[in-house]
Amino acid sequence: MSEIDADRLLPNDRVQQAVLNGDVTQLTRGASNQYAAEGDTFEIEGTRFEVSSVETRTLGEFTDATRNGRDRSRSRRTNSG
């Protein structure tokens, strides 16, 4: 478990705001790099988040699960400080 930079994990300010607002709870990133590990934490505007799971899935699996309402939260908000 380590503290990771939100800018490294989340591609832009719009996505960071969506995470902060609770609109984004999971994210896919390219398979060539692992951006986070289970238990890693990151902070956005003083709010700390913890990565709850990391899974390897194809984009098709991710899209089908989201379309069918089976998406699962990938991070959880924790109290900071």
C-alpha atoms as a PDB file:
ATOM      1  CA  MET A   1       0.000   0.000   0.000  1.00  0.00           C
ATOM      2  CA  SER A   2       1.300   3.404  -0.877  1.00  0.00           C
ATOM      3  CA  GLU A   3       0.205   6.970  -1.501  1.00  0.00           C
ATOM      4  CA  ILE A   4      -0.086   7.599  -5.236  1.00  0.00           C
ATOM      5  CA  ASP A   5      -0.475  10.837  -7.165  1.00  0.00           C
ATOM      6  CA  ALA A   6      -4.065  11.394  -8.317  1.00  0.00           C
ATOM      7  CA  ASP A   7      -2.707  13.072 -11.461  1.00  0.00           C
ATOM      8  CA  ARG A   8      -0.924   9.821 -12.367  1.00  0.00           C
ATOM      9  CA  LEU A   9      -4.005   7.680 -11.775  1.00  0.00           C
ATOM     10  CA  LEU A  10      -6.787   9.935 -13.085  1.00  0.00           C
ATOM     11  CA  PRO A  11      -6.203  11.373 -16.566  1.00  0.00           C
ATOM     12  CA  ASN A  12      -7.553  14.933 -16.115  1.00  0.00           C
ATOM     13  CA  ASP A  13      -9.325  17.430 -13.837  1.00  0.00           C
ATOM     14  CA  ARG A  14     -12.767  16.490 -15.159  1.00  0.00           C
ATOM     15  CA  VAL A  15     -12.287  12.849 -14.128  1.00  0.00           C
ATOM     16  CA  GLN A  16     -10.880  13.905 -10.746  1.00  0.00           C
ATOM     17  CA  GLN A  17     -13.970  16.047 -10.118  1.00  0.00           C
ATOM     18  CA  ALA A  18     -16.238  13.172 -11.177  1.00  0.00           C
ATOM     19  CA  VAL A  19     -14.480  10.887  -8.657  1.00  0.00           C
ATOM     20  CA  LEU A  20     -14.791  13.544  -5.959  1.00  0.00           C
ATOM     21  CA  ASN A  21     -18.514  13.940  -6.710  1.00  0.00           C
ATOM     22  CA  GLY A  22     -19.074  10.162  -6.645  1.00  0.00           C
ATOM     23  CA  ASP A  23     -19.964  10.016 -10.341  1.00  0.00           C
ATOM     24  CA  VAL A  24     -16.969   7.793 -11.222  1.00  0.00           C
ATOM     25  CA  THR A  25     -16.305   4.738  -9.048  1.00  0.00           C
ATOM     26  CA  GLN A  26     -14.271   2.614 -11.468  1.00  0.00           C
ATOM     27  CA  LEU A  27     -11.841   3.314 -14.242  1.00  0.00           C
ATOM     28  CA  THR A  28     -10.102   1.347 -16.959  1.00  0.00           C
ATOM     29  CA  ARG A  29      -6.540   2.149 -17.967  1.00  0.00           C
ATOM     30  CA  GLY A  30      -4.247   0.654 -20.578  1.00  0.00           C
ATOM     31  CA  ALA A  31      -3.098  -2.884 -19.899  1.00  0.00           C
ATOM     32  CA  SER A  32       0.588  -2.099 -20.456  1.00  0.00           C
ATOM     33  CA  ASN A  33       0.943  -0.224 -17.123  1.00  0.00           C
ATOM     34  CA  GLN A  34      -0.441  -0.878 -13.663  1.00  0.00           C
ATOM     35  CA  TYR A  35      -1.347   2.513 -12.203  1.00  0.00           C
ATOM     36  CA  ALA A  36      -2.447   1.367  -8.735  1.00  0.00           C
ATOM     37  CA  ALA A  37      -2.561  -1.613  -6.428  1.00  0.00           C
ATOM     38  CA  GLU A  38      -5.234  -2.689  -3.967  1.00  0.00           C
ATOM     39  CA  GLY A  39      -4.899  -0.609  -0.803  1.00  0.00           C
ATOM     40  CA  ASP A  40      -3.129   2.331  -2.469  1.00  0.00           C
ATOM     41  CA  THR A  41      -4.501   5.733  -1.523  1.00  0.00           C
ATOM     42  CA  PHE A  42      -4.759   9.044  -3.344  1.00  0.00           C
ATOM     43  CA  GLU A  43      -6.120  12.455  -2.441  1.00  0.00           C
ATOM     44  CA  ILE A  44      -8.270  14.943  -4.335  1.00  0.00           C
ATOM     45  CA  GLU A  45      -8.882  18.375  -2.776  1.00  0.00           C
ATOM     46  CA  GLY A  46      -8.270  17.060   0.745  1.00  0.00           C
ATOM     47  CA  THR A  47     -10.454  13.963   0.371  1.00  0.00           C
ATOM     48  CA  ARG A  48      -8.589  10.664   0.592  1.00  0.00           C
ATOM     49  CA  PHE A  49      -9.603   7.633  -1.477  1.00  0.00           C
ATOM     50  CA  GLU A  50      -8.432   4.032  -1.194  1.00  0.00           C
ATOM     51  CA  VAL A  51      -8.228   1.635  -4.131  1.00  0.00           C
ATOM     52  CA  SER A  52     -10.434  -1.266  -3.056  1.00  0.00           C
ATOM     53  CA  SER A  53      -9.605  -3.691  -5.872  1.00  0.00           C
ATOM     54  CA  VAL A  54      -7.629  -4.023  -9.076  1.00  0.00           C
ATOM     55  CA  GLU A  55      -8.786  -6.486 -11.711  1.00  0.00           C
ATOM     56  CA  THR A  56      -7.632  -7.454 -15.165  1.00  0.00           C
ATOM     57  CA  ARG A  57     -10.567  -7.413 -17.562  1.00  0.00           C
ATOM     58  CA  THR A  58     -10.989  -6.847 -21.260  1.00  0.00           C
ATOM     59  CA  LEU A  59     -12.626  -3.625 -22.377  1.00  0.00           C
ATOM     60  CA  GLY A  60     -15.567  -5.696 -23.661  1.00  0.00           C
ATOM     61  CA  GLU A  61     -16.098  -7.253 -20.223  1.00  0.00           C
ATOM     62  CA  PHE A  62     -15.987  -3.821 -18.594  1.00  0.00           C
ATOM     63  CA  THR A  63     -18.427  -2.319 -21.110  1.00  0.00           C
ATOM     64  CA  ASP A  64     -20.877  -5.249 -20.866  1.00  0.00           C
ATOM     65  CA  ALA A  65     -20.852  -5.183 -17.035  1.00  0.00           C
ATOM     66  CA  THR A  66     -21.517  -1.450 -16.950  1.00  0.00           C
ATOM     67  CA  ARG A  67     -24.246  -1.683 -19.588  1.00  0.00           C
ATOM     68  CA  ASN A  68     -25.984  -4.487 -17.670  1.00  0.00           C
ATOM     69  CA  GLY A  69     -25.799  -2.715 -14.299  1.00  0.00           C
ATOM     70  CA  ARG A  70     -23.192  -5.017 -12.805  1.00  0.00           C
ATOM     71  CA  ASP A  71     -20.501  -2.388 -12.266  1.00  0.00           C
ATOM     72  CA  ARG A  72     -18.815  -2.442  -8.872  1.00  0.00           C
ATOM     73  CA  SER A  73     -17.121   0.322  -6.962  1.00  0.00           C
ATOM     74  CA  ARG A  74     -13.357   0.401  -7.353  1.00  0.00           C
ATOM     75  CA  SER A  75     -12.463   3.029  -4.752  1.00  0.00           C
ATOM     76  CA  ARG A  76     -13.882   4.134  -1.452  1.00  0.00           C
ATOM     77  CA  ARG A  77     -13.683   7.483   0.248  1.00  0.00           C
ATOM     78  CA  THR A  78     -11.900   7.627   3.594  1.00  0.00           C
ATOM     79  CA  ASN A  79     -11.516  10.433   6.094  1.00  0.00           C
ATOM     80  CA  SER A  80      -8.407  12.521   5.601  1.00  0.00           C
ATOM     81  CA  GLY A  81      -6.378  13.639   8.570  1.00  0.00           C
END
